[in-house]
N, C-alpha and C. Protein backbone atom coordinates (compact mmCIF):
# COMPACT_ATOMS: atom_id res chain seq x y z
N UNK A 1 0.85 -1.18 0.00
CA UNK A 1 0.00 0.00 0.00
C UNK A 1 0.89 1.24 0.00
N UNK A 2 0.52 2.22 -0.75
CA UNK A 2 1.26 3.47 -0.84
C UNK A 2 1.11 4.26 0.46
N UNK A 3 2.11 5.08 0.77
CA UNK A 3 2.03 5.89 1.97
C UNK A 3 1.59 7.32 1.68
N UNK A 4 1.16 7.59 0.45
CA UNK A 4 0.63 8.91 0.14
C UNK A 4 -0.66 9.10 0.93
N UNK A 5 -0.87 10.29 1.52
CA UNK A 5 -2.07 10.50 2.32
C UNK A 5 -3.37 10.19 1.58
N UNK A 6 -3.44 10.54 0.29
CA UNK A 6 -4.69 10.33 -0.44
C UNK A 6 -4.99 8.86 -0.71
N UNK A 7 -4.01 7.97 -0.51
CA UNK A 7 -4.23 6.55 -0.74
C UNK A 7 -4.48 5.78 0.56
N UNK A 8 -4.47 6.49 1.68
CA UNK A 8 -4.67 5.86 2.98
C UNK A 8 -6.09 6.10 3.47
N UNK A 9 -6.65 5.17 4.23
CA UNK A 9 -7.97 5.42 4.82
C UNK A 9 -7.89 6.62 5.76
N UNK A 10 -8.92 7.46 5.71
CA UNK A 10 -8.88 8.72 6.45
C UNK A 10 -10.24 9.02 7.07
N UNK A 11 -10.20 9.52 8.31
CA UNK A 11 -11.40 10.08 8.94
C UNK A 11 -11.03 11.40 9.60
N UNK A 12 -12.04 12.24 9.72
CA UNK A 12 -11.93 13.48 10.49
C UNK A 12 -12.93 13.38 11.63
N UNK A 13 -12.50 13.75 12.82
CA UNK A 13 -13.38 13.80 13.98
C UNK A 13 -13.49 15.26 14.38
N UNK A 14 -14.69 15.83 14.22
CA UNK A 14 -14.94 17.24 14.54
C UNK A 14 -15.70 17.28 15.87
N UNK A 15 -14.96 17.55 16.94
CA UNK A 15 -15.54 17.52 18.27
C UNK A 15 -16.58 18.63 18.47
N UNK A 16 -16.34 19.79 17.88
CA UNK A 16 -17.24 20.93 18.06
C UNK A 16 -18.62 20.66 17.46
N UNK A 17 -18.66 20.01 16.30
CA UNK A 17 -19.92 19.77 15.61
C UNK A 17 -20.44 18.34 15.80
N UNK A 18 -19.77 17.55 16.64
CA UNK A 18 -20.15 16.15 16.87
C UNK A 18 -20.25 15.38 15.56
N UNK A 19 -19.26 15.59 14.70
CA UNK A 19 -19.31 15.05 13.35
C UNK A 19 -18.13 14.12 13.09
N UNK A 20 -18.42 13.02 12.40
CA UNK A 20 -17.40 12.09 11.95
C UNK A 20 -17.46 12.09 10.42
N UNK A 21 -16.35 12.44 9.79
CA UNK A 21 -16.28 12.43 8.33
C UNK A 21 -15.44 11.24 7.89
N UNK A 22 -16.05 10.35 7.15
CA UNK A 22 -15.35 9.18 6.64
C UNK A 22 -15.13 9.42 5.15
N UNK A 23 -13.88 9.50 4.75
CA UNK A 23 -13.57 9.82 3.36
C UNK A 23 -13.96 8.69 2.41
N UNK A 24 -14.34 9.08 1.22
CA UNK A 24 -14.79 8.15 0.19
C UNK A 24 -13.79 7.03 -0.03
N UNK A 25 -12.49 7.37 -0.06
CA UNK A 25 -11.45 6.36 -0.28
C UNK A 25 -11.49 5.29 0.81
N UNK A 26 -11.78 5.67 2.03
CA UNK A 26 -11.90 4.71 3.13
C UNK A 26 -13.02 3.73 2.86
N UNK A 27 -14.17 4.25 2.43
CA UNK A 27 -15.31 3.38 2.14
C UNK A 27 -15.05 2.53 0.90
N UNK A 28 -14.33 3.07 -0.08
CA UNK A 28 -13.97 2.27 -1.25
C UNK A 28 -13.10 1.09 -0.86
N UNK A 29 -12.18 1.32 0.09
CA UNK A 29 -11.31 0.24 0.55
C UNK A 29 -12.12 -0.87 1.22
N UNK A 30 -13.27 -0.53 1.77
CA UNK A 30 -14.15 -1.51 2.40
C UNK A 30 -15.15 -2.10 1.41
N UNK A 31 -15.01 -1.77 0.13
CA UNK A 31 -15.89 -2.31 -0.90
C UNK A 31 -17.19 -1.55 -1.07
N UNK A 32 -17.18 -0.26 -0.76
CA UNK A 32 -18.36 0.61 -0.87
C UNK A 32 -19.58 0.02 -0.17
N UNK A 33 -19.48 -0.17 1.14
CA UNK A 33 -20.60 -0.79 1.88
C UNK A 33 -21.82 0.12 1.93
N UNK A 34 -22.98 -0.49 2.07
CA UNK A 34 -24.21 0.27 2.25
C UNK A 34 -24.42 0.59 3.73
N UNK A 35 -23.77 -0.20 4.60
CA UNK A 35 -23.89 -0.01 6.05
C UNK A 35 -22.52 -0.21 6.70
N UNK A 36 -22.27 0.60 7.73
CA UNK A 36 -21.03 0.46 8.50
C UNK A 36 -21.36 0.50 9.99
N UNK A 37 -20.41 0.05 10.77
CA UNK A 37 -20.52 0.14 12.21
C UNK A 37 -19.29 0.89 12.71
N UNK A 38 -19.48 1.80 13.65
CA UNK A 38 -18.38 2.53 14.28
C UNK A 38 -18.09 1.86 15.62
N UNK A 39 -16.81 1.57 15.83
CA UNK A 39 -16.40 0.90 17.06
C UNK A 39 -15.29 1.70 17.72
N UNK A 40 -15.21 1.63 19.03
CA UNK A 40 -14.12 2.28 19.76
C UNK A 40 -13.61 1.30 20.82
N UNK A 41 -12.29 1.21 20.92
CA UNK A 41 -11.66 0.40 21.95
C UNK A 41 -10.91 1.35 22.87
N UNK A 42 -11.46 1.61 24.06
CA UNK A 42 -10.84 2.58 24.96
C UNK A 42 -9.46 2.14 25.47
N UNK A 43 -9.24 0.83 25.60
CA UNK A 43 -7.96 0.33 26.10
C UNK A 43 -6.81 0.62 25.13
N UNK A 44 -7.04 0.35 23.85
CA UNK A 44 -5.99 0.58 22.85
C UNK A 44 -6.11 1.96 22.20
N UNK A 45 -7.16 2.70 22.59
CA UNK A 45 -7.43 4.03 22.02
C UNK A 45 -7.52 3.97 20.49
N UNK A 46 -8.34 3.06 20.01
CA UNK A 46 -8.54 2.92 18.57
C UNK A 46 -10.01 3.06 18.21
N UNK A 47 -10.22 3.51 16.99
CA UNK A 47 -11.54 3.63 16.38
C UNK A 47 -11.53 2.70 15.18
N UNK A 48 -12.64 2.04 14.92
CA UNK A 48 -12.73 1.20 13.73
C UNK A 48 -14.01 1.53 12.97
N UNK A 49 -13.90 1.46 11.65
CA UNK A 49 -15.06 1.56 10.77
C UNK A 49 -15.17 0.18 10.12
N UNK A 50 -16.27 -0.50 10.41
CA UNK A 50 -16.43 -1.88 9.95
C UNK A 50 -17.58 -1.99 8.96
N UNK A 51 -17.32 -2.73 7.90
CA UNK A 51 -18.36 -3.04 6.92
C UNK A 51 -19.34 -4.00 7.59
N UNK A 52 -20.63 -3.70 7.46
CA UNK A 52 -21.64 -4.56 8.07
C UNK A 52 -22.86 -4.60 7.14
N UNK A 53 -23.95 -5.13 7.62
CA UNK A 53 -25.15 -5.25 6.79
C UNK A 53 -26.30 -4.46 7.39
N UNK A 54 -27.36 -4.36 6.62
CA UNK A 54 -28.54 -3.64 7.08
C UNK A 54 -29.22 -4.36 8.25
N UNK A 55 -28.88 -5.63 8.45
CA UNK A 55 -29.50 -6.41 9.53
C UNK A 55 -28.81 -6.21 10.88
N UNK A 56 -27.69 -5.52 10.86
CA UNK A 56 -26.98 -5.20 12.10
C UNK A 56 -27.67 -3.99 12.72
N UNK A 57 -28.26 -4.16 13.90
CA UNK A 57 -29.03 -3.07 14.51
C UNK A 57 -28.14 -1.91 14.99
N UNK A 58 -26.82 -2.08 14.98
CA UNK A 58 -25.90 -1.01 15.36
C UNK A 58 -25.27 -0.32 14.14
N UNK A 59 -25.78 -0.66 12.98
CA UNK A 59 -25.16 -0.11 11.76
C UNK A 59 -25.70 1.28 11.41
N UNK A 60 -24.87 1.98 10.65
CA UNK A 60 -25.24 3.27 10.08
C UNK A 60 -25.34 3.08 8.57
N UNK A 61 -26.42 3.56 7.98
CA UNK A 61 -26.60 3.46 6.53
C UNK A 61 -25.79 4.55 5.85
N UNK A 62 -25.11 4.18 4.78
CA UNK A 62 -24.37 5.14 3.97
C UNK A 62 -25.28 5.55 2.82
N UNK A 63 -25.73 6.79 2.81
CA UNK A 63 -26.62 7.24 1.72
C UNK A 63 -25.92 7.14 0.37
N UNK A 64 -26.58 6.48 -0.58
CA UNK A 64 -26.00 6.27 -1.91
C UNK A 64 -25.56 7.56 -2.58
N UNK A 65 -26.42 8.55 -2.56
CA UNK A 65 -26.14 9.81 -3.25
C UNK A 65 -25.05 10.64 -2.58
N UNK A 66 -24.83 10.39 -1.30
CA UNK A 66 -23.86 11.19 -0.55
C UNK A 66 -22.47 11.13 -1.19
N UNK A 67 -22.04 9.94 -1.57
CA UNK A 67 -20.69 9.78 -2.10
C UNK A 67 -20.59 10.12 -3.58
N UNK A 68 -21.71 10.24 -4.25
CA UNK A 68 -21.68 10.65 -5.66
C UNK A 68 -21.31 12.12 -5.80
N UNK A 69 -21.72 12.93 -4.83
CA UNK A 69 -21.54 14.37 -4.92
C UNK A 69 -20.54 14.94 -3.91
N UNK A 70 -20.08 14.11 -2.98
CA UNK A 70 -19.17 14.59 -1.93
C UNK A 70 -17.97 13.67 -1.81
N UNK A 71 -16.92 14.17 -1.19
CA UNK A 71 -15.71 13.38 -0.99
C UNK A 71 -15.73 12.58 0.29
N UNK A 72 -16.81 12.73 1.06
CA UNK A 72 -16.88 12.01 2.32
C UNK A 72 -18.34 11.77 2.71
N UNK A 73 -18.49 10.92 3.71
CA UNK A 73 -19.79 10.66 4.32
C UNK A 73 -19.74 11.24 5.72
N UNK A 74 -20.75 11.96 6.11
CA UNK A 74 -20.78 12.58 7.43
C UNK A 74 -21.80 11.89 8.32
N UNK A 75 -21.36 11.58 9.53
CA UNK A 75 -22.24 11.02 10.55
C UNK A 75 -22.15 11.93 11.77
N UNK A 76 -23.24 12.04 12.50
CA UNK A 76 -23.28 12.89 13.69
C UNK A 76 -23.68 12.05 14.90
N UNK A 77 -22.90 12.17 15.98
CA UNK A 77 -23.23 11.43 17.19
C UNK A 77 -22.53 12.06 18.39
N UNK A 78 -23.30 12.76 19.20
CA UNK A 78 -22.73 13.36 20.41
C UNK A 78 -22.23 12.28 21.38
N UNK A 79 -23.01 11.20 21.51
CA UNK A 79 -22.64 10.14 22.44
C UNK A 79 -21.33 9.46 22.03
N UNK A 80 -21.18 9.19 20.74
CA UNK A 80 -19.95 8.54 20.27
C UNK A 80 -18.75 9.46 20.49
N UNK A 81 -18.92 10.74 20.21
CA UNK A 81 -17.80 11.66 20.41
C UNK A 81 -17.50 11.90 21.89
N UNK A 82 -18.51 11.81 22.74
CA UNK A 82 -18.25 11.89 24.18
C UNK A 82 -17.39 10.70 24.61
N UNK A 83 -17.67 9.53 24.07
CA UNK A 83 -16.87 8.34 24.38
C UNK A 83 -15.43 8.52 23.89
N UNK A 84 -15.26 9.12 22.71
CA UNK A 84 -13.92 9.36 22.19
C UNK A 84 -13.19 10.38 23.07
N UNK A 85 -13.88 11.41 23.48
CA UNK A 85 -13.27 12.46 24.31
C UNK A 85 -12.81 11.88 25.64
N UNK A 86 -13.60 11.00 26.21
CA UNK A 86 -13.23 10.36 27.47
C UNK A 86 -12.04 9.42 27.30
N UNK A 87 -11.90 8.86 26.11
CA UNK A 87 -10.82 7.92 25.82
C UNK A 87 -9.50 8.63 25.58
N UNK A 88 -9.55 9.81 24.97
CA UNK A 88 -8.33 10.53 24.62
C UNK A 88 -8.25 11.83 25.40
N UNK A 89 -7.50 11.82 26.48
CA UNK A 89 -7.44 12.99 27.36
C UNK A 89 -6.83 14.21 26.69
N UNK A 90 -6.08 14.03 25.61
CA UNK A 90 -5.45 15.15 24.93
C UNK A 90 -6.36 15.88 23.97
N UNK A 91 -7.51 15.34 23.67
CA UNK A 91 -8.43 15.98 22.73
C UNK A 91 -9.23 17.08 23.42
N UNK A 92 -9.52 18.14 22.66
CA UNK A 92 -10.34 19.23 23.19
C UNK A 92 -11.69 19.27 22.51
N UNK A 93 -12.66 19.88 23.17
CA UNK A 93 -14.04 19.87 22.68
C UNK A 93 -14.27 20.71 21.43
N UNK A 94 -13.36 21.63 21.10
CA UNK A 94 -13.59 22.51 19.96
C UNK A 94 -12.67 22.23 18.78
N UNK A 95 -11.94 21.14 18.83
CA UNK A 95 -10.95 20.84 17.78
C UNK A 95 -11.48 19.80 16.79
N UNK A 96 -10.79 19.73 15.66
CA UNK A 96 -11.02 18.70 14.65
C UNK A 96 -9.73 17.91 14.51
N UNK A 97 -9.87 16.60 14.38
CA UNK A 97 -8.70 15.73 14.29
C UNK A 97 -8.76 14.88 13.03
N UNK A 98 -7.64 14.80 12.36
CA UNK A 98 -7.45 13.94 11.19
C UNK A 98 -6.74 12.69 11.67
N UNK A 99 -7.21 11.53 11.22
CA UNK A 99 -6.54 10.28 11.56
C UNK A 99 -6.44 9.42 10.31
N UNK A 100 -5.22 8.97 10.02
CA UNK A 100 -5.00 8.00 8.95
C UNK A 100 -5.10 6.61 9.55
N UNK A 101 -5.65 5.69 8.79
CA UNK A 101 -5.88 4.35 9.32
C UNK A 101 -5.19 3.26 8.54
N UNK A 102 -5.52 2.04 8.95
CA UNK A 102 -4.98 0.84 8.34
C UNK A 102 -6.13 -0.10 8.00
N UNK A 103 -6.14 -0.58 6.77
CA UNK A 103 -7.15 -1.53 6.34
C UNK A 103 -6.79 -2.92 6.87
N UNK A 104 -7.77 -3.57 7.49
CA UNK A 104 -7.62 -4.95 7.94
C UNK A 104 -8.65 -5.77 7.17
N UNK A 105 -8.24 -6.23 6.00
CA UNK A 105 -9.16 -6.88 5.06
C UNK A 105 -9.84 -8.10 5.67
N UNK A 106 -9.10 -8.91 6.43
CA UNK A 106 -9.66 -10.14 6.98
C UNK A 106 -10.84 -9.88 7.93
N UNK A 107 -10.91 -8.69 8.48
CA UNK A 107 -12.00 -8.34 9.41
C UNK A 107 -13.01 -7.37 8.80
N UNK A 108 -12.81 -6.99 7.53
CA UNK A 108 -13.69 -6.02 6.87
C UNK A 108 -13.77 -4.71 7.64
N UNK A 109 -12.61 -4.22 8.08
CA UNK A 109 -12.63 -2.96 8.82
C UNK A 109 -11.36 -2.16 8.58
N UNK A 110 -11.48 -0.87 8.92
CA UNK A 110 -10.35 0.04 8.91
C UNK A 110 -10.17 0.50 10.34
N UNK A 111 -8.94 0.45 10.81
CA UNK A 111 -8.64 0.81 12.19
C UNK A 111 -7.85 2.11 12.23
N UNK A 112 -8.21 2.98 13.18
CA UNK A 112 -7.56 4.28 13.35
C UNK A 112 -7.08 4.41 14.78
N UNK A 113 -5.82 4.79 14.96
CA UNK A 113 -5.28 4.98 16.30
C UNK A 113 -5.45 6.44 16.70
N UNK A 114 -6.12 6.67 17.81
CA UNK A 114 -6.32 8.02 18.30
C UNK A 114 -4.99 8.65 18.71
N UNK A 115 -4.01 7.81 19.03
CA UNK A 115 -2.68 8.30 19.40
C UNK A 115 -2.00 9.00 18.23
N UNK A 116 -2.42 8.65 17.00
CA UNK A 116 -1.83 9.23 15.79
C UNK A 116 -2.65 10.37 15.20
N UNK A 117 -3.61 10.88 15.97
CA UNK A 117 -4.48 11.95 15.45
C UNK A 117 -3.68 13.24 15.26
N UNK A 118 -4.08 13.99 14.25
CA UNK A 118 -3.43 15.24 13.89
C UNK A 118 -4.46 16.36 14.05
N UNK A 119 -4.22 17.33 14.94
CA UNK A 119 -5.16 18.46 15.04
C UNK A 119 -5.18 19.23 13.73
N UNK A 120 -6.36 19.63 13.32
CA UNK A 120 -6.54 20.34 12.05
C UNK A 120 -7.05 21.74 12.32
N UNK A 121 -6.53 22.71 11.61
CA UNK A 121 -6.98 24.09 11.71
C UNK A 121 -8.34 24.19 11.07
N UNK A 122 -9.35 24.57 11.82
CA UNK A 122 -10.72 24.65 11.30
C UNK A 122 -10.93 25.78 10.30
N UNK A 123 -10.00 26.72 10.19
CA UNK A 123 -10.21 27.83 9.27
C UNK A 123 -9.79 27.48 7.85
N UNK A 124 -9.00 26.42 7.70
CA UNK A 124 -8.59 25.98 6.38
C UNK A 124 -9.02 24.54 6.20
N UNK A 125 -9.68 24.22 5.11
CA UNK A 125 -10.10 22.86 4.87
C UNK A 125 -8.89 21.96 4.69
N UNK A 126 -8.80 20.99 5.59
CA UNK A 126 -7.72 20.00 5.48
C UNK A 126 -6.36 20.51 5.89
N UNK A 127 -6.24 21.78 6.33
CA UNK A 127 -4.94 22.32 6.72
C UNK A 127 -4.60 21.92 8.13
N UNK A 128 -3.31 21.76 8.39
CA UNK A 128 -2.87 21.39 9.72
C UNK A 128 -2.41 22.63 10.48
N UNK A 129 -2.61 22.58 11.80
CA UNK A 129 -2.06 23.63 12.65
C UNK A 129 -0.55 23.53 12.64
N UNK A 130 0.12 24.66 12.66
CA UNK A 130 1.59 24.63 12.71
C UNK A 130 2.06 25.44 13.87
């Protein structure tokens, strides 16, 4: 797998807006699923996006049209972000974090380490704080 940022699975966690942005490339790596599940492991401080089915009662539906016109899928969950905030003591409530992940094909998921999160400047799209 290439190490270019655009070829790696990517998510943005926007604490201020309780928003999770999953980039199209991440979903493509999972085979363009119609449903995903968001998982968090507080012990290892990891987040996972897992391909699942519509029969999974914990799944989130990926709107078909969303990815046709946008570069990402947006999900909103105050409770999920509260769990992330409690897991990562270094995160602040008004920041946005970029995290590159790793595809684990055998499990149909992409894993993201919160330890590797990069704070993003909210005034520039995709720009990093320096």
